[in-house]
């Protein structure tokens, strides 16, 4: 199994390690991918680091293409980047799995009332019947003392669950009441 890891060197590093442990090889994409380590020789040996930013879509896609297709992709992309996301979809192998992590704002309607990023992605991926698509929407946690953002462990746990038992969309934490979210 070949795995693509994009945006996974921080809060998703435990989920990335989980994916790499189950993979034959993994492609890790980050601006500083060659500086990343799981501090585990077995996992690190499976990684092909690619130092590139997705801000330069052409260079990014050119760097990934020789490694495709991917059986599993775990991604965290900040801006909407719809064209880049569509290009990545084409690099997923038939019967492959794409786990896409998104922030809580990805469920908000666009400024002109268009569908949210998460809804647009779900609709687009519904047309890709040979790919299993699973979203993780990051929320927050309500506690007696107030609200807090999810920990890295909680974020990775949600991503791992989607890798193992994918559902169309999982909310990690809660999104309501929105006005109670941490600032």
C-alpha atoms as a PDB file:
ATOM      1  CA  UNK A   1       0.000   0.000   0.000  1.00  0.00           C
ATOM      2  CA  UNK A   2       1.263   3.468  -0.935  1.00  0.00           C
ATOM      3  CA  UNK A   3       0.199   6.365   1.256  1.00  0.00           C
ATOM      4  CA  UNK A   4       0.168  10.108   0.653  1.00  0.00           C
ATOM      5  CA  UNK A   5       0.626  12.332   3.695  1.00  0.00           C
ATOM      6  CA  UNK A   6      -0.060  15.998   3.139  1.00  0.00           C
ATOM      7  CA  UNK A   7      -0.153  18.504   5.985  1.00  0.00           C
ATOM      8  CA  UNK A   8       0.420  15.803   8.580  1.00  0.00           C
ATOM      9  CA  UNK A   9       3.707  16.731  10.271  1.00  0.00           C
ATOM     10  CA  UNK A  10       2.111  18.640  13.164  1.00  0.00           C
ATOM     11  CA  UNK A  11      -1.228  17.895  14.769  1.00  0.00           C
ATOM     12  CA  UNK A  12      -1.726  14.821  12.574  1.00  0.00           C
ATOM     13  CA  UNK A  13       1.675  13.213  13.132  1.00  0.00           C
ATOM     14  CA  UNK A  14       0.230  10.351  15.230  1.00  0.00           C
ATOM     15  CA  UNK A  15      -2.329   9.633  12.497  1.00  0.00           C
ATOM     16  CA  UNK A  16       0.458   9.801   9.909  1.00  0.00           C
ATOM     17  CA  UNK A  17       2.491   7.279  11.921  1.00  0.00           C
ATOM     18  CA  UNK A  18      -0.551   4.994  12.060  1.00  0.00           C
ATOM     19  CA  UNK A  19      -0.915   5.196   8.272  1.00  0.00           C
ATOM     20  CA  UNK A  20       2.787   4.612   7.598  1.00  0.00           C
ATOM     21  CA  UNK A  21       2.863   1.584   9.917  1.00  0.00           C
ATOM     22  CA  UNK A  22       0.250  -0.061   7.672  1.00  0.00           C
ATOM     23  CA  UNK A  23       1.902   1.003   4.415  1.00  0.00           C
ATOM     24  CA  UNK A  24       4.604  -0.394   2.230  1.00  0.00           C
ATOM     25  CA  UNK A  25       5.742   3.125   1.399  1.00  0.00           C
ATOM     26  CA  UNK A  26       4.601   6.656   2.119  1.00  0.00           C
ATOM     27  CA  UNK A  27       5.100   9.989   0.428  1.00  0.00           C
ATOM     28  CA  UNK A  28       5.326  12.840   2.919  1.00  0.00           C
ATOM     29  CA  UNK A  29       4.763  16.281   1.418  1.00  0.00           C
ATOM     30  CA  UNK A  30       5.732  19.398   3.324  1.00  0.00           C
ATOM     31  CA  UNK A  31       7.847  22.495   2.821  1.00  0.00           C
ATOM     32  CA  UNK A  32      10.415  20.849   5.116  1.00  0.00           C
ATOM     33  CA  UNK A  33       9.580  17.178   4.648  1.00  0.00           C
ATOM     34  CA  UNK A  34      13.218  16.075   4.759  1.00  0.00           C
ATOM     35  CA  UNK A  35      13.509  17.488   8.292  1.00  0.00           C
ATOM     36  CA  UNK A  36      10.559  15.468   9.624  1.00  0.00           C
ATOM     37  CA  UNK A  37      11.041  12.256  11.572  1.00  0.00           C
ATOM     38  CA  UNK A  38       8.755   9.928  13.473  1.00  0.00           C
ATOM     39  CA  UNK A  39      11.826   9.067  15.584  1.00  0.00           C
ATOM     40  CA  UNK A  40      11.223   5.481  14.543  1.00  0.00           C
ATOM     41  CA  UNK A  41      13.659   3.911  12.064  1.00  0.00           C
ATOM     42  CA  UNK A  42      11.080   1.474  10.666  1.00  0.00           C
ATOM     43  CA  UNK A  43       8.558   4.233   9.911  1.00  0.00           C
ATOM     44  CA  UNK A  44      11.144   6.763   8.746  1.00  0.00           C
ATOM     45  CA  UNK A  45      12.596   4.229   6.294  1.00  0.00           C
ATOM     46  CA  UNK A  46       9.212   3.948   4.530  1.00  0.00           C
ATOM     47  CA  UNK A  47       8.949   7.699   3.896  1.00  0.00           C
ATOM     48  CA  UNK A  48       9.836   9.462   0.688  1.00  0.00           C
ATOM     49  CA  UNK A  49      10.001  13.142   1.688  1.00  0.00           C
ATOM     50  CA  UNK A  50       9.025  15.764  -0.873  1.00  0.00           C
ATOM     51  CA  UNK A  51       9.938  19.348  -0.019  1.00  0.00           C
ATOM     52  CA  UNK A  52       7.316  21.419  -1.775  1.00  0.00           C
ATOM     53  CA  UNK A  53       4.488  23.767  -0.862  1.00  0.00           C
ATOM     54  CA  UNK A  54       1.051  23.411  -2.380  1.00  0.00           C
ATOM     55  CA  UNK A  55       1.098  27.183  -2.892  1.00  0.00           C
ATOM     56  CA  UNK A  56       2.929  26.376  -6.150  1.00  0.00           C
ATOM     57  CA  UNK A  57       0.320  23.992  -7.583  1.00  0.00           C
ATOM     58  CA  UNK A  58       2.291  23.126 -10.716  1.00  0.00           C
ATOM     59  CA  UNK A  59       5.493  22.171  -8.888  1.00  0.00           C
ATOM     60  CA  UNK A  60       3.466  20.410  -6.215  1.00  0.00           C
ATOM     61  CA  UNK A  61       1.570  18.209  -8.672  1.00  0.00           C
ATOM     62  CA  UNK A  62       4.707  17.542 -10.752  1.00  0.00           C
ATOM     63  CA  UNK A  63       6.484  16.318  -7.622  1.00  0.00           C
ATOM     64  CA  UNK A  64       3.635  13.979  -6.634  1.00  0.00           C
ATOM     65  CA  UNK A  65       2.727  12.481  -9.991  1.00  0.00           C
ATOM     66  CA  UNK A  66       5.669  10.023 -10.218  1.00  0.00           C
ATOM     67  CA  UNK A  67       4.568   8.469  -6.893  1.00  0.00           C
ATOM     68  CA  UNK A  68       0.874   8.063  -7.743  1.00  0.00           C
ATOM     69  CA  UNK A  69      -1.471   6.304  -7.524  1.00  0.00           C
ATOM     70  CA  UNK A  70      -1.999   6.330  -3.766  1.00  0.00           C
ATOM     71  CA  UNK A  71      -4.009   3.693  -1.935  1.00  0.00           C
ATOM     72  CA  UNK A  72      -4.511   5.997   1.053  1.00  0.00           C
ATOM     73  CA  UNK A  73      -4.252   9.763   1.324  1.00  0.00           C
ATOM     74  CA  UNK A  74      -4.434  11.689   4.588  1.00  0.00           C
ATOM     75  CA  UNK A  75      -4.643  15.401   3.858  1.00  0.00           C
ATOM     76  CA  UNK A  76      -4.953  18.714   5.673  1.00  0.00           C
ATOM     77  CA  UNK A  77      -5.148  21.658   3.270  1.00  0.00           C
ATOM     78  CA  UNK A  78      -5.913  25.113   4.649  1.00  0.00           C
ATOM     79  CA  UNK A  79      -7.417  27.207   1.860  1.00  0.00           C
ATOM     80  CA  UNK A  80     -10.222  26.013  -0.392  1.00  0.00           C
ATOM     81  CA  UNK A  81      -7.788  25.121  -3.259  1.00  0.00           C
ATOM     82  CA  UNK A  82     -10.554  23.319  -5.165  1.00  0.00           C
ATOM     83  CA  UNK A  83      -8.461  22.773  -8.312  1.00  0.00           C
ATOM     84  CA  UNK A  84      -5.604  21.247  -6.323  1.00  0.00           C
ATOM     85  CA  UNK A  85      -8.002  19.008  -4.419  1.00  0.00           C
ATOM     86  CA  UNK A  86      -9.514  17.775  -7.701  1.00  0.00           C
ATOM     87  CA  UNK A  87      -6.050  17.009  -9.073  1.00  0.00           C
ATOM     88  CA  UNK A  88      -5.212  15.028  -5.926  1.00  0.00           C
ATOM     89  CA  UNK A  89      -8.453  13.068  -6.301  1.00  0.00           C
ATOM     90  CA  UNK A  90      -7.143  11.854  -9.653  1.00  0.00           C
ATOM     91  CA  UNK A  91      -4.065  10.424  -7.940  1.00  0.00           C
ATOM     92  CA  UNK A  92      -6.046   8.096  -5.674  1.00  0.00           C
ATOM     93  CA  UNK A  93      -6.023   4.471  -6.826  1.00  0.00           C
ATOM     94  CA  UNK A  94      -9.293   2.686  -7.599  1.00  0.00           C
ATOM     95  CA  UNK A  95     -10.623   1.302  -4.299  1.00  0.00           C
ATOM     96  CA  UNK A  96      -8.320   3.763  -2.530  1.00  0.00           C
ATOM     97  CA  UNK A  97      -9.241   5.908   0.438  1.00  0.00           C
ATOM     98  CA  UNK A  98      -9.027   9.672   0.904  1.00  0.00           C
ATOM     99  CA  UNK A  99      -9.289  11.019   4.446  1.00  0.00           C
ATOM    100  CA  UNK A 100      -9.564  14.784   4.348  1.00  0.00           C
ATOM    101  CA  UNK A 101      -9.221  16.805   7.543  1.00  0.00           C
ATOM    102  CA  UNK A 102     -10.845  20.244   7.568  1.00  0.00           C
ATOM    103  CA  UNK A 103     -11.324  23.041  10.058  1.00  0.00           C
ATOM    104  CA  UNK A 104     -14.704  23.897  11.557  1.00  0.00           C
ATOM    105  CA  UNK A 105     -15.147  26.852   9.212  1.00  0.00           C
ATOM    106  CA  UNK A 106     -15.192  24.454   6.244  1.00  0.00           C
ATOM    107  CA  UNK A 107     -18.888  23.904   7.007  1.00  0.00           C
ATOM    108  CA  UNK A 108     -19.742  27.600   6.756  1.00  0.00           C
ATOM    109  CA  UNK A 109     -21.481  28.887   3.639  1.00  0.00           C
ATOM    110  CA  UNK A 110     -19.403  30.978   1.269  1.00  0.00           C
ATOM    111  CA  UNK A 111     -19.625  34.765   1.297  1.00  0.00           C
ATOM    112  CA  UNK A 112     -22.131  34.801  -1.545  1.00  0.00           C
ATOM    113  CA  UNK A 113     -24.192  31.939  -0.145  1.00  0.00           C
ATOM    114  CA  UNK A 114     -22.520  29.137  -2.117  1.00  0.00           C
ATOM    115  CA  UNK A 115     -22.148  25.721  -0.544  1.00  0.00           C
ATOM    116  CA  UNK A 116     -19.486  25.209   2.101  1.00  0.00           C
ATOM    117  CA  UNK A 117     -16.097  23.779   1.204  1.00  0.00           C
ATOM    118  CA  UNK A 118     -16.979  20.554   3.028  1.00  0.00           C
ATOM    119  CA  UNK A 119     -20.281  20.222   1.150  1.00  0.00           C
ATOM    120  CA  UNK A 120     -18.644  20.925  -2.229  1.00  0.00           C
ATOM    121  CA  UNK A 121     -15.992  18.291  -1.519  1.00  0.00           C
ATOM    122  CA  UNK A 122     -18.543  15.707  -0.410  1.00  0.00           C
ATOM    123  CA  UNK A 123     -20.599  16.345  -3.569  1.00  0.00           C
ATOM    124  CA  UNK A 124     -17.539  16.100  -5.814  1.00  0.00           C
ATOM    125  CA  UNK A 125     -16.320  12.913  -4.164  1.00  0.00           C
ATOM    126  CA  UNK A 126     -19.766  11.294  -4.387  1.00  0.00           C
ATOM    127  CA  UNK A 127     -19.141  11.200  -8.153  1.00  0.00           C
ATOM    128  CA  UNK A 128     -15.886   9.289  -7.615  1.00  0.00           C
ATOM    129  CA  UNK A 129     -17.488   5.939  -6.857  1.00  0.00           C
ATOM    130  CA  UNK A 130     -14.216   3.969  -6.848  1.00  0.00           C
ATOM    131  CA  UNK A 131     -12.743   6.048  -4.016  1.00  0.00           C
ATOM    132  CA  UNK A 132     -13.770   5.844  -0.382  1.00  0.00           C
ATOM    133  CA  UNK A 133     -13.990   9.417   0.857  1.00  0.00           C
ATOM    134  CA  UNK A 134     -14.067  10.379   4.522  1.00  0.00           C
ATOM    135  CA  UNK A 135     -14.065  13.855   6.054  1.00  0.00           C
ATOM    136  CA  UNK A 136     -12.906  14.825   9.525  1.00  0.00           C
ATOM    137  CA  UNK A 137     -14.258  18.228  10.560  1.00  0.00           C
ATOM    138  CA  UNK A 138     -12.388  19.686  13.519  1.00  0.00           C
ATOM    139  CA  UNK A 139     -14.529  21.227  16.220  1.00  0.00           C
ATOM    140  CA  UNK A 140     -13.911  22.046  19.847  1.00  0.00           C
ATOM    141  CA  UNK A 141     -14.586  20.565  23.281  1.00  0.00           C
ATOM    142  CA  UNK A 142     -16.994  21.996  25.843  1.00  0.00           C
ATOM    143  CA  UNK A 143     -15.891  21.571  29.436  1.00  0.00           C
ATOM    144  CA  UNK A 144     -17.210  22.856  32.751  1.00  0.00           C
ATOM    145  CA  UNK A 145     -14.541  25.562  32.721  1.00  0.00           C
ATOM    146  CA  UNK A 146     -15.332  26.626  29.137  1.00  0.00           C
ATOM    147  CA  UNK A 147     -14.403  25.535  25.656  1.00  0.00           C
ATOM    148  CA  UNK A 148     -11.052  24.411  24.292  1.00  0.00           C
ATOM    149  CA  UNK A 149      -9.687  23.380  20.921  1.00  0.00           C
ATOM    150  CA  UNK A 150      -9.007  19.707  20.271  1.00  0.00           C
ATOM    151  CA  UNK A 151      -5.653  18.271  21.272  1.00  0.00           C
ATOM    152  CA  UNK A 152      -3.343  16.734  18.683  1.00  0.00           C
ATOM    153  CA  UNK A 153      -4.189  13.331  20.134  1.00  0.00           C
ATOM    154  CA  UNK A 154      -7.932  13.904  19.699  1.00  0.00           C
ATOM    155  CA  UNK A 155      -7.440  15.115  16.129  1.00  0.00           C
ATOM    156  CA  UNK A 156      -5.273  12.132  15.230  1.00  0.00           C
ATOM    157  CA  UNK A 157      -7.722   9.724  16.879  1.00  0.00           C
ATOM    158  CA  UNK A 158     -10.536  11.041  14.674  1.00  0.00           C
ATOM    159  CA  UNK A 159      -8.367  10.719  11.556  1.00  0.00           C
ATOM    160  CA  UNK A 160      -7.307   7.184  12.492  1.00  0.00           C
ATOM    161  CA  UNK A 161     -10.948   6.198  13.007  1.00  0.00           C
ATOM    162  CA  UNK A 162     -11.734   7.495   9.509  1.00  0.00           C
ATOM    163  CA  UNK A 163      -8.827   5.511   8.055  1.00  0.00           C
ATOM    164  CA  UNK A 164     -10.006   2.336   9.767  1.00  0.00           C
ATOM    165  CA  UNK A 165     -13.817   2.659   9.604  1.00  0.00           C
ATOM    166  CA  UNK A 166     -14.589   5.467   7.186  1.00  0.00           C
ATOM    167  CA  UNK A 167     -17.820   7.405   7.330  1.00  0.00           C
ATOM    168  CA  UNK A 168     -18.748  10.224   4.942  1.00  0.00           C
ATOM    169  CA  UNK A 169     -18.238  12.873   7.644  1.00  0.00           C
ATOM    170  CA  UNK A 170     -17.184  12.815  11.276  1.00  0.00           C
ATOM    171  CA  UNK A 171     -17.139  15.828  13.558  1.00  0.00           C
ATOM    172  CA  UNK A 172     -14.244  15.648  16.013  1.00  0.00           C
ATOM    173  CA  UNK A 173     -15.548  17.390  19.109  1.00  0.00           C
ATOM    174  CA  UNK A 174     -18.578  19.658  18.701  1.00  0.00           C
ATOM    175  CA  UNK A 175     -19.491  22.632  16.533  1.00  0.00           C
ATOM    176  CA  UNK A 176     -22.416  23.932  18.556  1.00  0.00           C
ATOM    177  CA  UNK A 177     -23.059  26.235  20.115  1.00  0.00           C
ATOM    178  CA  UNK A 178     -20.816  28.125  17.667  1.00  0.00           C
ATOM    179  CA  UNK A 179     -20.673  31.209  19.877  1.00  0.00           C
ATOM    180  CA  UNK A 180     -19.120  29.086  22.660  1.00  0.00           C
ATOM    181  CA  UNK A 181     -16.089  28.058  20.595  1.00  0.00           C
ATOM    182  CA  UNK A 182     -12.679  29.078  21.970  1.00  0.00           C
ATOM    183  CA  UNK A 183     -11.152  32.283  20.680  1.00  0.00           C
END
